[in-house]
Amino acid sequence: MKTGAMKVKAKNKNRVKNSNWQFWAIIAAPLIYAIVFAYIPMGGVILAFKDYSIRKGIWGSDWVGLRYFKQFLLSPSSSKVIINTLVLGFYSLLASFPIPILLAVGLNEVKAVKFKKTVQMITYAPYFISTVVMVGMLMQMTDLRIGIINKLLGLFGVGPVNFFGDVDIFRSLYVWSGVWQTAGYSAIIYIAALAGVSPELKEAAIVDGASRLQRIWHVDLPAIRPTVVTMLIFACGNMINIGFDKVFLMQNSMNLAKSEVIATFVYKVGLVNADYGFSTAAGLFQSLVSFIMLVTVNQISKKITETSLW
């Protein structure tokens, strides 16, 4: 009897294993991708602690400890680069985070299906424009002679403005062009969250005489609060990770005082000047600051809203 029972259990286990092979096959591909292209390359951060030599290789180069970190933090340009990165990241967060939420809430209240789909298409489309093309469009639209923006300003008696040459305009041009490009796409997750709001709650609010704004404030926004908080945590964690490509394309000698961020600084020092150890240390410093911000914001959110990533 015992032998028969053991055989039945063994068969059941084999059936479970055979029935789950599709699941393991599905997760194998992204897992292998993450290991090969995300975790294995992390070994390169050891360059931040070594005096890298192409002849000696990564593992044969001399160990220098925290020398490059001290060099980065004590260099005259580091404070300016760090401040520029933080200010631009914080400005981007303040401008780009609430607008997708407002857009999603507004679209959720629209009853005309055709109008809603048209607005969605118009707001989603800029996201699929490449960064190079978008910066080229900005240059054309803000051109001193033929730019449509300067021509419109001229109708109101305002002289031509050198948007790319004015150091004080760079941050606003960078941030608001980014908002225009990503707001529609970023609103998708909030629209999906609003679709899950209970209709019974809305009907009860209508019966109680709540206005549209009151329904949004007391029904819609509380329902999507976990989603909003989660996205805010991610946004704060990525605040200092200013992308290289767009800043570099918009950068010139006239706006360099405010457009030089850690990403462009690492490129110029690491690839142009071939100082790989110093550039790796600067990049690792940026990643550590992002990680600390992510953990801090997550803990604050956990205490205040009881919503966190872990």
Protein backbone atom coordinates (compact mmCIF):
# COMPACT_ATOMS: atom_id res chain seq x y z
CA MET A 1 0.00 0.00 0.00
CA LYS A 2 2.78 2.39 0.94
CA THR A 3 4.64 1.62 -2.28
CA GLY A 4 1.50 2.33 -4.32
CA ALA A 5 0.90 5.62 -2.51
CA MET A 6 4.50 6.70 -3.11
CA LYS A 7 4.16 5.92 -6.82
CA VAL A 8 0.97 8.01 -7.02
CA LYS A 9 2.69 10.95 -5.30
CA ALA A 10 5.67 10.68 -7.65
CA LYS A 11 3.34 10.71 -10.67
CA ASN A 12 1.50 13.76 -9.32
CA LYS A 13 4.79 15.59 -8.83
CA ASN A 14 5.85 14.80 -12.38
CA ARG A 15 2.51 16.03 -13.68
CA VAL A 16 2.91 19.32 -11.79
CA LYS A 17 6.43 19.74 -13.13
CA ASN A 18 5.30 18.97 -16.68
CA SER A 19 2.35 21.34 -16.43
CA ASN A 20 4.58 24.23 -15.21
CA TRP A 21 7.26 24.05 -17.88
CA GLN A 22 5.51 26.78 -19.91
CA PHE A 23 5.71 29.11 -16.90
CA TRP A 24 9.43 28.51 -16.45
CA ALA A 25 10.00 28.94 -20.19
CA ILE A 26 8.27 32.33 -20.09
CA ILE A 27 10.29 33.71 -17.17
CA ALA A 28 13.57 32.21 -18.43
CA ALA A 29 13.97 34.69 -21.30
CA PRO A 30 13.67 37.93 -19.25
CA LEU A 31 15.71 36.36 -16.44
CA ILE A 32 18.56 35.47 -18.80
CA TYR A 33 18.33 38.92 -20.40
CA ALA A 34 18.58 40.64 -16.99
CA ILE A 35 21.56 38.52 -15.94
CA VAL A 36 23.47 39.00 -19.19
CA PHE A 37 22.74 42.67 -19.89
CA ALA A 38 22.12 44.08 -16.39
CA TYR A 39 23.92 42.12 -13.68
CA ILE A 40 27.06 40.88 -15.45
CA PRO A 41 27.98 44.40 -16.71
CA MET A 42 27.79 45.60 -13.09
CA GLY A 43 31.25 44.07 -12.66
CA GLY A 44 32.52 47.07 -14.59
CA VAL A 45 32.00 49.33 -11.55
CA ILE A 46 35.31 47.98 -10.23
CA LEU A 47 36.93 50.47 -12.64
CA ALA A 48 35.95 53.19 -10.15
CA PHE A 49 38.46 51.71 -7.70
CA LYS A 50 41.29 50.97 -10.14
CA ASP A 51 43.80 52.91 -12.23
CA TYR A 52 42.59 51.30 -15.43
CA SER A 53 45.13 50.42 -18.07
CA ILE A 54 44.17 48.87 -21.40
CA ARG A 55 47.42 46.91 -21.41
CA LYS A 56 46.84 45.42 -17.93
CA GLY A 57 43.08 44.96 -18.28
CA ILE A 58 40.40 45.44 -15.64
CA TRP A 59 41.62 42.82 -13.17
CA GLY A 60 45.32 43.53 -13.67
CA SER A 61 45.11 47.30 -13.18
CA ASP A 62 46.38 48.84 -9.94
CA TRP A 63 43.95 49.29 -7.05
CA VAL A 64 43.52 52.95 -6.04
CA GLY A 65 40.59 52.71 -3.63
CA LEU A 66 38.49 55.89 -3.29
CA ARG A 67 40.95 58.15 -5.10
CA TYR A 68 38.64 58.89 -8.02
CA PHE A 69 35.67 59.58 -5.73
CA LYS A 70 37.72 62.13 -3.81
CA GLN A 71 38.96 63.59 -7.08
CA PHE A 72 35.38 63.96 -8.36
CA LEU A 73 33.96 65.47 -5.18
CA LEU A 74 36.90 67.86 -4.71
CA SER A 75 37.20 68.96 -8.35
CA PRO A 76 36.14 72.59 -9.05
CA SER A 77 33.52 71.56 -11.59
CA SER A 78 31.89 68.77 -9.55
CA SER A 79 29.77 71.02 -7.34
CA LYS A 80 28.39 72.85 -10.38
CA VAL A 81 27.65 69.57 -12.17
CA ILE A 82 25.91 68.03 -9.14
CA ILE A 83 23.83 71.18 -8.52
CA ASN A 84 22.82 71.37 -12.19
CA THR A 85 21.76 67.71 -12.12
CA LEU A 86 19.72 68.07 -8.91
CA VAL A 87 18.01 71.31 -9.98
CA LEU A 88 17.13 69.99 -13.44
CA GLY A 89 15.89 66.70 -11.97
CA PHE A 90 13.78 68.41 -9.30
CA TYR A 91 12.33 70.84 -11.85
CA SER A 92 11.46 67.92 -14.13
CA LEU A 93 9.79 66.07 -11.26
CA LEU A 94 7.66 69.07 -10.24
CA ALA A 95 6.56 69.75 -13.80
CA SER A 96 6.19 66.27 -15.28
CA PHE A 97 4.66 64.26 -12.42
CA PRO A 98 1.28 65.98 -11.78
CA ILE A 99 0.39 66.75 -15.42
CA PRO A 100 -0.21 63.09 -16.50
CA ILE A 101 -2.48 62.66 -13.47
CA LEU A 102 -4.50 65.74 -14.39
CA LEU A 103 -4.67 64.58 -18.01
CA ALA A 104 -5.86 61.11 -16.98
CA VAL A 105 -8.52 62.50 -14.64
CA GLY A 106 -9.71 64.92 -17.32
CA LEU A 107 -9.94 62.21 -19.99
CA ASN A 108 -11.74 59.93 -17.56
CA GLU A 109 -14.49 62.55 -17.19
CA VAL A 110 -14.93 63.03 -20.95
CA LYS A 111 -18.05 61.27 -22.25
CA ALA A 112 -17.58 61.99 -25.97
CA VAL A 113 -15.72 58.90 -27.20
CA LYS A 114 -14.40 60.41 -30.45
CA PHE A 115 -13.08 63.50 -28.72
CA LYS A 116 -11.47 61.37 -26.01
CA LYS A 117 -9.71 59.13 -28.53
CA THR A 118 -8.54 62.14 -30.54
CA VAL A 119 -7.01 63.79 -27.48
CA GLN A 120 -5.37 60.51 -26.47
CA MET A 121 -3.84 60.08 -29.92
CA ILE A 122 -2.54 63.66 -30.00
CA THR A 123 -1.00 63.41 -26.53
CA TYR A 124 0.46 59.91 -27.05
CA ALA A 125 2.06 60.62 -30.43
CA PRO A 126 4.99 62.83 -29.29
CA TYR A 127 6.32 60.01 -27.10
CA PHE A 128 7.26 58.02 -30.21
CA ILE A 129 9.34 60.83 -31.69
CA SER A 130 13.03 60.10 -31.25
CA THR A 131 15.07 62.44 -29.08
CA VAL A 132 17.25 63.54 -32.00
CA VAL A 133 14.21 64.44 -34.11
CA MET A 134 12.52 66.24 -31.22
CA VAL A 135 15.57 68.39 -30.46
CA GLY A 136 15.82 69.16 -34.17
CA MET A 137 12.19 70.27 -34.14
CA LEU A 138 12.88 72.50 -31.14
CA MET A 139 15.81 74.10 -32.93
CA GLN A 140 13.68 74.79 -35.99
CA MET A 141 10.73 76.17 -34.02
CA THR A 142 12.94 78.45 -31.89
CA ASP A 143 15.21 79.62 -34.72
CA LEU A 144 15.94 83.37 -34.56
CA ARG A 145 14.99 84.02 -38.20
CA ILE A 146 12.50 81.36 -39.32
CA GLY A 147 11.29 79.86 -36.03
CA ILE A 148 7.52 79.86 -35.62
CA ILE A 149 7.77 80.71 -31.92
CA ASN A 150 9.84 83.85 -32.58
CA LYS A 151 7.46 84.84 -35.38
CA LEU A 152 4.52 84.56 -32.96
CA LEU A 153 6.41 86.62 -30.38
CA GLY A 154 7.06 89.22 -33.06
CA LEU A 155 3.30 89.67 -33.53
CA PHE A 156 3.15 90.89 -29.93
CA GLY A 157 6.12 93.21 -30.35
CA VAL A 158 8.60 90.92 -28.61
CA GLY A 159 12.04 90.72 -30.21
CA PRO A 160 13.55 87.39 -31.28
CA VAL A 161 14.69 85.24 -28.37
CA ASN A 162 17.71 82.95 -28.60
CA PHE A 163 16.19 80.03 -26.70
CA PHE A 164 19.15 77.71 -27.09
CA GLY A 165 21.66 80.46 -26.38
CA ASP A 166 20.04 81.87 -23.25
CA VAL A 167 21.38 80.04 -20.21
CA ASP A 168 18.33 80.99 -18.12
CA ILE A 169 15.89 79.43 -20.62
CA PHE A 170 17.67 76.09 -21.02
CA ARG A 171 16.06 74.34 -18.03
CA SER A 172 12.53 75.42 -18.91
CA LEU A 173 13.05 74.45 -22.55
CA TYR A 174 14.37 71.03 -21.51
CA VAL A 175 11.66 70.33 -18.93
CA TRP A 176 8.56 71.54 -20.76
CA SER A 177 9.54 69.91 -24.03
CA GLY A 178 9.87 66.70 -22.02
CA VAL A 179 6.42 67.23 -20.51
CA TRP A 180 4.96 67.70 -23.99
CA GLN A 181 6.64 64.50 -25.18
CA THR A 182 5.85 62.17 -22.26
CA ALA A 183 2.66 63.45 -20.58
CA GLY A 184 0.25 61.45 -22.75
CA TYR A 185 2.17 58.21 -22.51
CA SER A 186 2.67 58.58 -18.74
CA ALA A 187 -1.06 59.10 -18.28
CA ILE A 188 -1.84 55.57 -19.53
CA ILE A 189 -1.19 53.92 -16.16
CA TYR A 190 -3.44 56.42 -14.36
CA ILE A 191 -6.21 55.96 -16.94
CA ALA A 192 -5.97 52.21 -16.34
CA ALA A 193 -6.14 52.75 -12.58
CA LEU A 194 -9.19 55.03 -12.95
CA ALA A 195 -10.92 52.35 -15.01
CA GLY A 196 -10.89 50.18 -11.89
CA VAL A 197 -12.78 52.67 -9.74
CA SER A 198 -16.01 51.14 -8.47
CA PRO A 199 -19.07 52.49 -10.35
CA GLU A 200 -21.12 51.98 -7.18
CA LEU A 201 -19.00 54.58 -5.38
CA LYS A 202 -19.58 57.11 -8.14
CA GLU A 203 -23.31 56.40 -8.20
CA ALA A 204 -23.49 56.79 -4.41
CA ALA A 205 -21.63 60.12 -4.67
CA ILE A 206 -24.06 61.33 -7.34
CA VAL A 207 -27.04 60.31 -5.18
CA ASP A 208 -25.52 62.26 -2.27
CA GLY A 209 -25.41 65.35 -4.49
CA ALA A 210 -21.63 65.51 -5.00
CA SER A 211 -20.44 67.75 -7.83
CA ARG A 212 -18.01 66.54 -10.49
CA LEU A 213 -15.03 68.09 -8.71
CA GLN A 214 -16.14 66.56 -5.41
CA ARG A 215 -16.41 63.12 -7.05
CA ILE A 216 -12.90 63.49 -8.46
CA TRP A 217 -11.49 64.61 -5.12
CA HIS A 218 -13.28 62.12 -2.87
CA VAL A 219 -13.70 59.08 -5.16
CA ASP A 220 -11.27 59.04 -8.09
CA LEU A 221 -8.09 60.38 -6.48
CA PRO A 222 -8.30 58.22 -3.31
CA ALA A 223 -8.88 55.16 -5.51
CA ILE A 224 -5.67 55.73 -7.52
CA ARG A 225 -3.57 56.92 -4.56
CA PRO A 226 -1.52 53.67 -4.32
CA THR A 227 -0.65 53.98 -8.02
CA VAL A 228 0.25 57.65 -7.66
CA VAL A 229 2.44 57.00 -4.63
CA THR A 230 4.23 54.10 -6.33
CA MET A 231 4.94 56.18 -9.43
CA LEU A 232 6.12 59.07 -7.24
CA ILE A 233 8.61 56.78 -5.50
CA PHE A 234 10.01 55.69 -8.85
CA ALA A 235 10.13 59.28 -10.09
CA CYS A 236 12.03 60.43 -7.00
CA GLY A 237 14.47 57.56 -7.38
CA ASN A 238 15.14 58.57 -10.99
CA MET A 239 15.23 62.29 -10.29
CA ILE A 240 19.01 62.56 -10.48
CA ASN A 241 19.28 60.21 -13.48
CA ILE A 242 19.10 62.91 -16.13
CA GLY A 243 19.32 61.33 -19.57
CA PHE A 244 22.47 61.96 -21.55
CA ASP A 245 21.20 62.20 -25.11
CA LYS A 246 18.72 65.07 -24.86
CA VAL A 247 20.93 67.26 -22.64
CA PHE A 248 23.93 66.65 -24.86
CA LEU A 249 21.99 67.51 -28.03
CA MET A 250 20.65 70.74 -26.50
CA GLN A 251 23.99 71.70 -25.00
CA ASN A 252 26.24 74.41 -26.44
CA SER A 253 28.93 76.79 -25.23
CA MET A 254 26.37 79.50 -24.37
CA ASN A 255 24.19 77.39 -22.03
CA LEU A 256 26.96 75.15 -20.67
CA ALA A 257 26.84 76.80 -17.25
CA LYS A 258 23.46 75.15 -16.54
CA SER A 259 23.38 72.30 -19.06
CA GLU A 260 26.45 70.42 -17.81
CA VAL A 261 25.08 67.48 -15.79
CA ILE A 262 26.70 64.31 -14.45
CA ALA A 263 25.82 62.29 -17.57
CA THR A 264 27.49 64.71 -20.01
CA PHE A 265 30.39 65.23 -17.60
CA VAL A 266 31.01 61.47 -17.47
CA TYR A 267 30.93 61.28 -21.27
CA LYS A 268 33.43 64.07 -21.75
CA VAL A 269 35.82 62.84 -19.07
CA GLY A 270 35.45 59.11 -19.71
CA LEU A 271 35.20 58.76 -23.48
CA VAL A 272 36.72 61.96 -24.79
CA ASN A 273 39.60 62.15 -22.29
CA ALA A 274 39.80 58.36 -21.80
CA ASP A 275 39.76 58.68 -17.99
CA TYR A 276 37.64 55.59 -17.44
CA GLY A 277 38.24 55.21 -13.69
CA PHE A 278 37.21 58.80 -12.93
CA SER A 279 34.11 58.65 -15.14
CA THR A 280 33.06 55.31 -13.61
CA ALA A 281 33.41 56.79 -10.12
CA ALA A 282 31.23 59.76 -11.12
CA GLY A 283 28.59 57.46 -12.61
CA LEU A 284 28.66 55.17 -9.57
CA PHE A 285 28.25 58.19 -7.29
CA GLN A 286 25.14 59.17 -9.26
CA SER A 287 23.70 55.66 -8.95
CA LEU A 288 24.36 55.56 -5.20
CA VAL A 289 22.60 58.90 -4.69
CA SER A 290 19.62 57.63 -6.72
CA PHE A 291 19.46 54.45 -4.63
CA ILE A 292 19.61 56.40 -1.36
CA MET A 293 16.81 58.72 -2.57
CA LEU A 294 14.70 55.74 -3.62
CA VAL A 295 15.07 54.02 -0.24
CA THR A 296 14.44 57.26 1.68
CA VAL A 297 11.30 58.20 -0.25
CA ASN A 298 10.03 54.63 0.01
CA GLN A 299 10.42 54.63 3.79
CA ILE A 300 8.73 58.03 4.11
CA SER A 301 5.85 56.81 1.94
CA LYS A 302 5.55 53.63 4.01
CA LYS A 303 5.12 55.62 7.22
CA ILE A 304 2.79 58.29 5.83
CA THR A 305 0.60 56.42 3.32
CA GLU A 306 1.35 52.76 4.14
CA THR A 307 2.21 52.27 0.46
CA SER A 308 5.72 51.18 -0.49
CA LEU A 309 7.70 49.10 -2.95
CA TRP A 310 8.73 46.58 -0.31
